[in-house]
Structures are given as structure tokens and as C-alpha cells.
All heavy atoms as atom14 arrays in JSON, in Angstrom:
{
  "sequence": "ESGGGLVQAGGSLRLSCAASGRTFSSYDMGWFRQAPGKERTIV",
  "atom14_mask": [
    [1, 1, 1, 1, 1, 1, 1, 1, 1, 0, 0, 0, 0, 0],
    [1, 1, 1, 1, 1, 1, 0, 0, 0, 0, 0, 0, 0, 0],
    [1, 1, 1, 1, 0, 0, 0, 0, 0, 0, 0, 0, 0, 0],
    [1, 1, 1, 1, 0, 0, 0, 0, 0, 0, 0, 0, 0, 0],
    [1, 1, 1, 1, 0, 0, 0, 0, 0, 0, 0, 0, 0, 0],
    [1, 1, 1, 1, 1, 1, 1, 1, 0, 0, 0, 0, 0, 0],
    [1, 1, 1, 1, 1, 1, 1, 0, 0, 0, 0, 0, 0, 0],
    [1, 1, 1, 1, 1, 1, 1, 1, 1, 0, 0, 0, 0, 0],
    [1, 1, 1, 1, 1, 0, 0, 0, 0, 0, 0, 0, 0, 0],
    [1, 1, 1, 1, 0, 0, 0, 0, 0, 0, 0, 0, 0, 0],
    [1, 1, 1, 1, 0, 0, 0, 0, 0, 0, 0, 0, 0, 0],
    [1, 1, 1, 1, 1, 1, 0, 0, 0, 0, 0, 0, 0, 0],
    [1, 1, 1, 1, 1, 1, 1, 1, 0, 0, 0, 0, 0, 0],
    [1, 1, 1, 1, 1, 1, 1, 1, 1, 1, 1, 0, 0, 0],
    [1, 1, 1, 1, 1, 1, 1, 1, 0, 0, 0, 0, 0, 0],
    [1, 1, 1, 1, 1, 1, 0, 0, 0, 0, 0, 0, 0, 0],
    [1, 1, 1, 1, 1, 1, 0, 0, 0, 0, 0, 0, 0, 0],
    [1, 1, 1, 1, 1, 0, 0, 0, 0, 0, 0, 0, 0, 0],
    [1, 1, 1, 1, 1, 0, 0, 0, 0, 0, 0, 0, 0, 0],
    [1, 1, 1, 1, 1, 1, 0, 0, 0, 0, 0, 0, 0, 0],
    [1, 1, 1, 1, 0, 0, 0, 0, 0, 0, 0, 0, 0, 0],
    [1, 1, 1, 1, 1, 1, 1, 1, 1, 1, 1, 0, 0, 0],
    [1, 1, 1, 1, 1, 1, 1, 0, 0, 0, 0, 0, 0, 0],
    [1, 1, 1, 1, 1, 1, 1, 1, 1, 1, 1, 0, 0, 0],
    [1, 1, 1, 1, 1, 1, 0, 0, 0, 0, 0, 0, 0, 0],
    [1, 1, 1, 1, 1, 1, 0, 0, 0, 0, 0, 0, 0, 0],
    [1, 1, 1, 1, 1, 1, 1, 1, 1, 1, 1, 1, 0, 0],
    [1, 1, 1, 1, 1, 1, 1, 1, 0, 0, 0, 0, 0, 0],
    [1, 1, 1, 1, 1, 1, 1, 1, 0, 0, 0, 0, 0, 0],
    [1, 1, 1, 1, 0, 0, 0, 0, 0, 0, 0, 0, 0, 0],
    [1, 1, 1, 1, 1, 1, 1, 1, 1, 1, 1, 1, 1, 1],
    [1, 1, 1, 1, 1, 1, 1, 1, 1, 1, 1, 0, 0, 0],
    [1, 1, 1, 1, 1, 1, 1, 1, 1, 1, 1, 0, 0, 0],
    [1, 1, 1, 1, 1, 1, 1, 1, 1, 0, 0, 0, 0, 0],
    [1, 1, 1, 1, 1, 0, 0, 0, 0, 0, 0, 0, 0, 0],
    [1, 1, 1, 1, 1, 1, 1, 0, 0, 0, 0, 0, 0, 0],
    [1, 1, 1, 1, 0, 0, 0, 0, 0, 0, 0, 0, 0, 0],
    [1, 1, 1, 1, 1, 1, 1, 1, 1, 0, 0, 0, 0, 0],
    [1, 1, 1, 1, 1, 1, 1, 1, 1, 0, 0, 0, 0, 0],
    [1, 1, 1, 1, 1, 1, 1, 1, 1, 1, 1, 0, 0, 0],
    [1, 1, 1, 1, 1, 1, 1, 0, 0, 0, 0, 0, 0, 0],
    [1, 1, 1, 1, 1, 1, 1, 1, 0, 0, 0, 0, 0, 0],
    [1, 1, 1, 1, 1, 1, 1, 0, 0, 0, 0, 0, 0, 0]
  ],
  "atom14_positions": [
    [[5.3, 29.19, -16.54], [3.93, 29.68, -16.4], [3.47, 30.35, -17.69], [4.28, 30.91, -18.43], [3.8, 30.68, -15.25], [4.23, 30.17, -13.89], [5.62, 30.62, -13.5], [6.46, 30.83, -14.42], [5.89, 30.76, -12.3], [0.0, 0.0, 0.0], [0.0, 0.0, 0.0], [0.0, 0.0, 0.0], [0.0, 0.0, 0.0], [0.0, 0.0, 0.0]],
    [[2.16, 30.34, -17.9], [1.56, 31.06, -19.0], [0.12, 31.39, -18.64], [-0.43, 30.85, -17.67], [1.62, 30.27, -20.3], [0.92, 29.05, -20.19], [0.0, 0.0, 0.0], [0.0, 0.0, 0.0], [0.0, 0.0, 0.0], [0.0, 0.0, 0.0], [0.0, 0.0, 0.0], [0.0, 0.0, 0.0], [0.0, 0.0, 0.0], [0.0, 0.0, 0.0]],
    [[-0.5, 32.27, -19.41], [-1.92, 32.57, -19.24], [-2.23, 33.89, -18.58], [-3.41, 34.25, -18.46], [0.0, 0.0, 0.0], [0.0, 0.0, 0.0], [0.0, 0.0, 0.0], [0.0, 0.0, 0.0], [0.0, 0.0, 0.0], [0.0, 0.0, 0.0], [0.0, 0.0, 0.0], [0.0, 0.0, 0.0], [0.0, 0.0, 0.0], [0.0, 0.0, 0.0]],
    [[-1.21, 34.62, -18.14], [-1.46, 35.92, -17.55], [-1.9, 36.94, -18.58], [-1.82, 36.71, -19.78], [0.0, 0.0, 0.0], [0.0, 0.0, 0.0], [0.0, 0.0, 0.0], [0.0, 0.0, 0.0], [0.0, 0.0, 0.0], [0.0, 0.0, 0.0], [0.0, 0.0, 0.0], [0.0, 0.0, 0.0], [0.0, 0.0, 0.0], [0.0, 0.0, 0.0]],
    [[-2.37, 38.08, -18.1], [-2.81, 39.13, -18.99], [-3.58, 40.19, -18.25], [-3.56, 40.27, -17.03], [0.0, 0.0, 0.0], [0.0, 0.0, 0.0], [0.0, 0.0, 0.0], [0.0, 0.0, 0.0], [0.0, 0.0, 0.0], [0.0, 0.0, 0.0], [0.0, 0.0, 0.0], [0.0, 0.0, 0.0], [0.0, 0.0, 0.0], [0.0, 0.0, 0.0]],
    [[-4.27, 41.03, -19.02], [-5.07, 42.13, -18.5], [-6.54, 41.75, -18.58], [-7.02, 41.31, -19.63], [-4.8, 43.4, -19.32], [-5.65, 44.63, -19.0], [-5.37, 45.11, -17.58], [-5.38, 45.72, -20.02], [0.0, 0.0, 0.0], [0.0, 0.0, 0.0], [0.0, 0.0, 0.0], [0.0, 0.0, 0.0], [0.0, 0.0, 0.0], [0.0, 0.0, 0.0]],
    [[-7.26, 41.94, -17.48], [-8.67, 41.6, -17.42], [-9.41, 42.62, -16.57], [-8.83, 43.21, -15.65], [-8.86, 40.16, -16.88], [-8.4, 40.07, -15.43], [-10.29, 39.69, -17.04], [0.0, 0.0, 0.0], [0.0, 0.0, 0.0], [0.0, 0.0, 0.0], [0.0, 0.0, 0.0], [0.0, 0.0, 0.0], [0.0, 0.0, 0.0], [0.0, 0.0, 0.0]],
    [[-10.67, 42.84, -16.88], [-11.51, 43.74, -16.08], [-11.92, 43.07, -14.78], [-12.03, 41.84, -14.7], [-12.76, 44.13, -16.86], [-12.52, 44.99, -18.08], [-12.39, 46.45, -17.74], [-12.55, 46.87, -16.6], [-12.11, 47.26, -18.75], [0.0, 0.0, 0.0], [0.0, 0.0, 0.0], [0.0, 0.0, 0.0], [0.0, 0.0, 0.0], [0.0, 0.0, 0.0]],
    [[-12.14, 43.87, -13.75], [-12.66, 43.34, -12.5], [-13.92, 42.53, -12.75], [-14.79, 42.93, -13.52], [-12.94, 44.47, -11.51], [0.0, 0.0, 0.0], [0.0, 0.0, 0.0], [0.0, 0.0, 0.0], [0.0, 0.0, 0.0], [0.0, 0.0, 0.0], [0.0, 0.0, 0.0], [0.0, 0.0, 0.0], [0.0, 0.0, 0.0], [0.0, 0.0, 0.0]],
    [[-14.0, 41.38, -12.08], [-15.11, 40.47, -12.28], [-14.87, 39.42, -13.33], [-15.65, 38.47, -13.44], [0.0, 0.0, 0.0], [0.0, 0.0, 0.0], [0.0, 0.0, 0.0], [0.0, 0.0, 0.0], [0.0, 0.0, 0.0], [0.0, 0.0, 0.0], [0.0, 0.0, 0.0], [0.0, 0.0, 0.0], [0.0, 0.0, 0.0], [0.0, 0.0, 0.0]],
    [[-13.8, 39.56, -14.1], [-13.48, 38.62, -15.15], [-12.71, 37.42, -14.66], [-12.49, 37.24, -13.45], [0.0, 0.0, 0.0], [0.0, 0.0, 0.0], [0.0, 0.0, 0.0], [0.0, 0.0, 0.0], [0.0, 0.0, 0.0], [0.0, 0.0, 0.0], [0.0, 0.0, 0.0], [0.0, 0.0, 0.0], [0.0, 0.0, 0.0], [0.0, 0.0, 0.0]],
    [[-12.28, 36.59, -15.61], [-11.61, 35.33, -15.3], [-10.36, 35.15, -16.13], [-10.25, 35.67, -17.26], [-12.54, 34.14, -15.57], [-13.69, 34.18, -14.75], [0.0, 0.0, 0.0], [0.0, 0.0, 0.0], [0.0, 0.0, 0.0], [0.0, 0.0, 0.0], [0.0, 0.0, 0.0], [0.0, 0.0, 0.0], [0.0, 0.0, 0.0], [0.0, 0.0, 0.0]],
    [[-9.4, 34.42, -15.58], [-8.21, 33.98, -16.28], [-7.88, 32.58, -15.81], [-8.19, 32.21, -14.67], [-7.01, 34.89, -16.01], [-6.94, 36.26, -16.67], [-5.75, 37.04, -16.09], [-6.81, 36.13, -18.18], [0.0, 0.0, 0.0], [0.0, 0.0, 0.0], [0.0, 0.0, 0.0], [0.0, 0.0, 0.0], [0.0, 0.0, 0.0], [0.0, 0.0, 0.0]],
    [[-7.22, 31.8, -16.67], [-6.68, 30.52, -16.26], [-5.18, 30.51, -16.51], [-4.72, 30.66, -17.64], [-7.33, 29.35, -17.01], [-6.92, 28.0, -16.41], [-7.54, 26.81, -17.11], [-6.89, 26.5, -18.37], [-6.91, 25.31, -18.96], [-7.57, 24.29, -18.38], [-6.3, 25.13, -20.12], [0.0, 0.0, 0.0], [0.0, 0.0, 0.0], [0.0, 0.0, 0.0]],
    [[-4.42, 30.34, -15.43], [-2.98, 30.22, -15.52], [-2.59, 28.75, -15.66], [-3.23, 27.87, -15.08], [-2.31, 30.81, -14.29], [-2.65, 32.25, -13.92], [-1.82, 32.7, -12.72], [-2.45, 33.18, -15.11], [0.0, 0.0, 0.0], [0.0, 0.0, 0.0], [0.0, 0.0, 0.0], [0.0, 0.0, 0.0], [0.0, 0.0, 0.0], [0.0, 0.0, 0.0]],
    [[-1.52, 28.5, -16.41], [-0.98, 27.16, -16.56], [0.48, 27.17, -16.16], [1.17, 28.18, -16.3], [-1.1, 26.66, -18.0], [-2.44, 26.61, -18.42], [0.0, 0.0, 0.0], [0.0, 0.0, 0.0], [0.0, 0.0, 0.0], [0.0, 0.0, 0.0], [0.0, 0.0, 0.0], [0.0, 0.0, 0.0], [0.0, 0.0, 0.0], [0.0, 0.0, 0.0]],
    [[0.97, 26.04, -15.68], [2.38, 25.88, -15.35], [2.79, 24.49, -15.79], [2.31, 23.49, -15.25], [2.62, 26.07, -13.86], [4.33, 25.8, -13.33], [0.0, 0.0, 0.0], [0.0, 0.0, 0.0], [0.0, 0.0, 0.0], [0.0, 0.0, 0.0], [0.0, 0.0, 0.0], [0.0, 0.0, 0.0], [0.0, 0.0, 0.0], [0.0, 0.0, 0.0]],
    [[3.68, 24.44, -16.78], [4.16, 23.18, -17.32], [5.53, 22.85, -16.75], [6.41, 23.71, -16.68], [4.24, 23.25, -18.85], [0.0, 0.0, 0.0], [0.0, 0.0, 0.0], [0.0, 0.0, 0.0], [0.0, 0.0, 0.0], [0.0, 0.0, 0.0], [0.0, 0.0, 0.0], [0.0, 0.0, 0.0], [0.0, 0.0, 0.0], [0.0, 0.0, 0.0]],
    [[5.72, 21.6, -16.34], [6.95, 21.15, -15.71], [7.69, 20.18, -16.61], [7.08, 19.38, -17.32], [6.66, 20.49, -14.37], [0.0, 0.0, 0.0], [0.0, 0.0, 0.0], [0.0, 0.0, 0.0], [0.0, 0.0, 0.0], [0.0, 0.0, 0.0], [0.0, 0.0, 0.0], [0.0, 0.0, 0.0], [0.0, 0.0, 0.0], [0.0, 0.0, 0.0]],
    [[9.01, 20.25, -16.55], [9.86, 19.29, -17.25], [10.09, 18.07, -16.38], [9.86, 18.1, -15.17], [11.19, 19.94, -17.63], [11.94, 20.27, -16.47], [0.0, 0.0, 0.0], [0.0, 0.0, 0.0], [0.0, 0.0, 0.0], [0.0, 0.0, 0.0], [0.0, 0.0, 0.0], [0.0, 0.0, 0.0], [0.0, 0.0, 0.0], [0.0, 0.0, 0.0]],
    [[10.57, 17.0, -17.0], [10.98, 15.83, -16.25], [9.87, 14.83, -15.99], [8.69, 15.09, -16.26], [0.0, 0.0, 0.0], [0.0, 0.0, 0.0], [0.0, 0.0, 0.0], [0.0, 0.0, 0.0], [0.0, 0.0, 0.0], [0.0, 0.0, 0.0], [0.0, 0.0, 0.0], [0.0, 0.0, 0.0], [0.0, 0.0, 0.0], [0.0, 0.0, 0.0]],
    [[10.25, 13.71, -15.42], [9.33, 12.61, -15.13], [8.96, 12.51, -13.66], [8.25, 11.57, -13.29], [9.96, 11.28, -15.59], [10.0, 11.09, -17.08], [10.81, 9.86, -17.44], [10.51, 9.4, -18.8], [9.77, 8.35, -19.09], [9.25, 7.61, -18.13], [9.56, 8.03, -20.36], [0.0, 0.0, 0.0], [0.0, 0.0, 0.0], [0.0, 0.0, 0.0]],
    [[9.42, 13.43, -12.84], [9.18, 13.37, -11.4], [8.12, 14.35, -10.93], [7.98, 14.57, -9.73], [10.49, 13.61, -10.62], [11.03, 14.89, -10.98], [11.5, 12.52, -10.92], [0.0, 0.0, 0.0], [0.0, 0.0, 0.0], [0.0, 0.0, 0.0], [0.0, 0.0, 0.0], [0.0, 0.0, 0.0], [0.0, 0.0, 0.0], [0.0, 0.0, 0.0]],
    [[7.34, 14.92, -11.83], [6.32, 15.89, -11.49], [5.34, 15.34, -10.47], [4.9, 16.06, -9.56], [5.59, 16.33, -12.76], [4.48, 17.31, -12.55], [4.75, 18.63, -12.22], [3.16, 16.93, -12.7], [3.73, 19.55, -12.05], [2.13, 17.83, -12.54], [2.42, 19.14, -12.21], [0.0, 0.0, 0.0], [0.0, 0.0, 0.0], [0.0, 0.0, 0.0]],
    [[5.0, 14.06, -10.6], [4.04, 13.46, -9.68], [4.58, 13.31, -8.27], [3.82, 12.98, -7.36], [3.58, 12.1, -10.2], [4.67, 11.2, -10.3], [0.0, 0.0, 0.0], [0.0, 0.0, 0.0], [0.0, 0.0, 0.0], [0.0, 0.0, 0.0], [0.0, 0.0, 0.0], [0.0, 0.0, 0.0], [0.0, 0.0, 0.0], [0.0, 0.0, 0.0]],
    [[5.87, 13.56, -8.07], [6.5, 13.48, -6.75], [6.52, 14.81, -6.01], [7.04, 14.88, -4.9], [7.92, 12.95, -6.87], [7.95, 11.64, -7.41], [0.0, 0.0, 0.0], [0.0, 0.0, 0.0], [0.0, 0.0, 0.0], [0.0, 0.0, 0.0], [0.0, 0.0, 0.0], [0.0, 0.0, 0.0], [0.0, 0.0, 0.0], [0.0, 0.0, 0.0]],
    [[5.97, 15.86, -6.62], [6.03, 17.19, -6.02], [4.66, 17.67, -5.6], [3.68, 17.54, -6.34], [6.58, 18.23, -7.02], [7.89, 17.88, -7.66], [8.1, 18.17, -9.0], [8.91, 17.28, -6.94], [9.31, 17.87, -9.61], [10.11, 16.97, -7.54], [10.31, 17.26, -8.87], [11.51, 16.96, -9.48], [0.0, 0.0, 0.0], [0.0, 0.0, 0.0]],
    [[4.58, 18.24, -4.4], [3.49, 19.14, -4.09], [3.74, 20.43, -4.86], [4.89, 20.8, -5.14], [3.43, 19.44, -2.59], [2.77, 18.34, -1.78], [2.83, 17.16, -2.2], [2.19, 18.66, -0.73], [0.0, 0.0, 0.0], [0.0, 0.0, 0.0], [0.0, 0.0, 0.0], [0.0, 0.0, 0.0], [0.0, 0.0, 0.0], [0.0, 0.0, 0.0]],
    [[2.68, 21.13, -5.22], [2.8, 22.35, -6.01], [2.11, 23.51, -5.32], [1.18, 23.34, -4.53], [2.2, 22.15, -7.4], [2.87, 21.07, -8.24], [4.58, 21.5, -8.71], [4.31, 22.88, -9.81], [0.0, 0.0, 0.0], [0.0, 0.0, 0.0], [0.0, 0.0, 0.0], [0.0, 0.0, 0.0], [0.0, 0.0, 0.0], [0.0, 0.0, 0.0]],
    [[2.58, 24.7, -5.64], [1.98, 25.91, -5.1], [1.92, 27.02, -6.13], [2.67, 27.03, -7.1], [0.0, 0.0, 0.0], [0.0, 0.0, 0.0], [0.0, 0.0, 0.0], [0.0, 0.0, 0.0], [0.0, 0.0, 0.0], [0.0, 0.0, 0.0], [0.0, 0.0, 0.0], [0.0, 0.0, 0.0], [0.0, 0.0, 0.0], [0.0, 0.0, 0.0]],
    [[0.98, 27.93, -5.92], [0.93, 29.2, -6.64], [1.18, 30.31, -5.64], [0.6, 30.31, -4.54], [-0.41, 29.41, -7.33], [-0.62, 28.61, -8.58], [-1.3, 27.45, -8.7], [-0.15, 28.94, -9.89], [-1.29, 27.02, -10.0], [-0.58, 27.92, -10.76], [0.6, 30.0, -10.42], [-0.3, 27.92, -12.12], [0.89, 29.99, -11.78], [0.43, 28.96, -12.61]],
    [[2.03, 31.25, -6.01], [2.35, 32.42, -5.21], [2.13, 33.66, -6.06], [2.07, 33.58, -7.28], [3.8, 32.38, -4.73], [4.1, 31.27, -3.77], [4.28, 29.97, -4.21], [4.21, 31.53, -2.41], [4.56, 28.94, -3.34], [4.49, 30.51, -1.51], [4.66, 29.22, -1.98], [0.0, 0.0, 0.0], [0.0, 0.0, 0.0], [0.0, 0.0, 0.0]],
    [[2.02, 34.8, -5.39], [1.93, 36.06, -6.13], [2.7, 37.15, -5.4], [2.87, 37.11, -4.18], [0.47, 36.48, -6.36], [-0.32, 36.79, -5.1], [-1.79, 37.0, -5.48], [-2.6, 37.33, -4.33], [-3.93, 37.46, -4.36], [-4.59, 37.27, -5.52], [-4.6, 37.78, -3.26], [0.0, 0.0, 0.0], [0.0, 0.0, 0.0], [0.0, 0.0, 0.0]],
    [[3.16, 38.12, -6.17], [3.94, 39.22, -5.62], [3.58, 40.5, -6.36], [3.78, 40.6, -7.56], [5.44, 38.94, -5.73], [6.3, 39.96, -5.04], [7.75, 39.5, -4.9], [8.21, 38.64, -5.66], [8.46, 40.06, -3.95], [0.0, 0.0, 0.0], [0.0, 0.0, 0.0], [0.0, 0.0, 0.0], [0.0, 0.0, 0.0], [0.0, 0.0, 0.0]],
    [[3.05, 41.46, -5.63], [2.75, 42.78, -6.16], [3.96, 43.68, -5.97], [4.8, 43.43, -5.1], [1.53, 43.37, -5.46], [0.0, 0.0, 0.0], [0.0, 0.0, 0.0], [0.0, 0.0, 0.0], [0.0, 0.0, 0.0], [0.0, 0.0, 0.0], [0.0, 0.0, 0.0], [0.0, 0.0, 0.0], [0.0, 0.0, 0.0], [0.0, 0.0, 0.0]],
    [[4.09, 44.75, -6.77], [5.23, 45.65, -6.64], [5.39, 46.18, -5.22], [4.42, 46.67, -4.62], [4.92, 46.78, -7.62], [4.04, 46.15, -8.64], [3.2, 45.15, -7.88], [0.0, 0.0, 0.0], [0.0, 0.0, 0.0], [0.0, 0.0, 0.0], [0.0, 0.0, 0.0], [0.0, 0.0, 0.0], [0.0, 0.0, 0.0], [0.0, 0.0, 0.0]],
    [[6.59, 46.08, -4.68], [6.88, 46.56, -3.34], [6.35, 45.71, -2.22], [6.47, 46.1, -1.05], [0.0, 0.0, 0.0], [0.0, 0.0, 0.0], [0.0, 0.0, 0.0], [0.0, 0.0, 0.0], [0.0, 0.0, 0.0], [0.0, 0.0, 0.0], [0.0, 0.0, 0.0], [0.0, 0.0, 0.0], [0.0, 0.0, 0.0], [0.0, 0.0, 0.0]],
    [[5.75, 44.56, -2.53], [5.18, 43.69, -1.52], [5.94, 42.37, -1.45], [6.67, 42.0, -2.37], [3.7, 43.41, -1.83], [2.84, 44.64, -1.98], [2.67, 45.38, -0.67], [1.69, 46.53, -0.83], [1.51, 47.28, 0.45], [0.0, 0.0, 0.0], [0.0, 0.0, 0.0], [0.0, 0.0, 0.0], [0.0, 0.0, 0.0], [0.0, 0.0, 0.0]],
    [[5.74, 41.66, -0.36], [6.35, 40.35, -0.21], [5.59, 39.32, -1.04], [4.42, 39.51, -1.39], [6.36, 39.94, 1.28], [4.99, 39.59, 1.85], [4.18, 40.8, 2.3], [4.56, 41.94, 2.0], [3.15, 40.6, 2.97], [0.0, 0.0, 0.0], [0.0, 0.0, 0.0], [0.0, 0.0, 0.0], [0.0, 0.0, 0.0], [0.0, 0.0, 0.0]],
    [[6.27, 38.22, -1.35], [5.63, 37.13, -2.06], [4.76, 36.34, -1.08], [5.22, 35.96, 0.0], [6.68, 36.23, -2.69], [6.13, 35.16, -3.61], [7.25, 34.44, -4.36], [8.02, 35.36, -5.19], [9.02, 34.99, -5.97], [9.38, 33.72, -6.05], [9.67, 35.9, -6.68], [0.0, 0.0, 0.0], [0.0, 0.0, 0.0], [0.0, 0.0, 0.0]],
    [[3.51, 36.11, -1.45], [2.58, 35.42, -0.57], [1.98, 34.21, -1.26], [1.89, 34.16, -2.48], [1.45, 36.36, -0.1], [0.73, 36.84, -1.25], [2.01, 37.54, 0.68], [0.0, 0.0, 0.0], [0.0, 0.0, 0.0], [0.0, 0.0, 0.0], [0.0, 0.0, 0.0], [0.0, 0.0, 0.0], [0.0, 0.0, 0.0], [0.0, 0.0, 0.0]],
    [[1.57, 33.25, -0.46], [1.0, 32.03, -1.0], [-0.43, 32.27, -1.44], [-1.19, 33.01, -0.8], [1.11, 30.88, 0.04], [0.98, 29.53, -0.64], [0.08, 31.04, 1.15], [1.51, 28.39, 0.21], [0.0, 0.0, 0.0], [0.0, 0.0, 0.0], [0.0, 0.0, 0.0], [0.0, 0.0, 0.0], [0.0, 0.0, 0.0], [0.0, 0.0, 0.0]],
    [[-0.79, 31.68, -2.56], [-2.14, 31.73, -3.09], [-2.86, 30.41, -2.85], [-4.0, 30.37, -2.38], [-2.14, 32.07, -4.59], [-3.55, 32.0, -5.17], [-1.54, 33.45, -4.82], [0.0, 0.0, 0.0], [0.0, 0.0, 0.0], [0.0, 0.0, 0.0], [0.0, 0.0, 0.0], [0.0, 0.0, 0.0], [0.0, 0.0, 0.0], [0.0, 0.0, 0.0]]
  ]
}
């Protein structure tokens, strides 16, 4: 993953995730997030 950072409320960011290999098209993909002390949840 890349593209994270610090932004003001109301702003925008674009995250990227680059995969190795030739089988990328065979996978469903997901984004998840986890805040400190919290469980990982699906985005």
C-alpha cells in the first residue's frame, strides 16, 4: 500500500495497492482499516 498521510477534515487522499504476480485478476480485493484499540473492519 501507499498514499497515506495527514489531511484536514473535508480533504481527499488516494490510496494505492500494488500486487506482485500474474494472478491478480483472479482475486477479489478489499480495503480494511484499523484504529488504535479497535478491531479491523471492512471498508
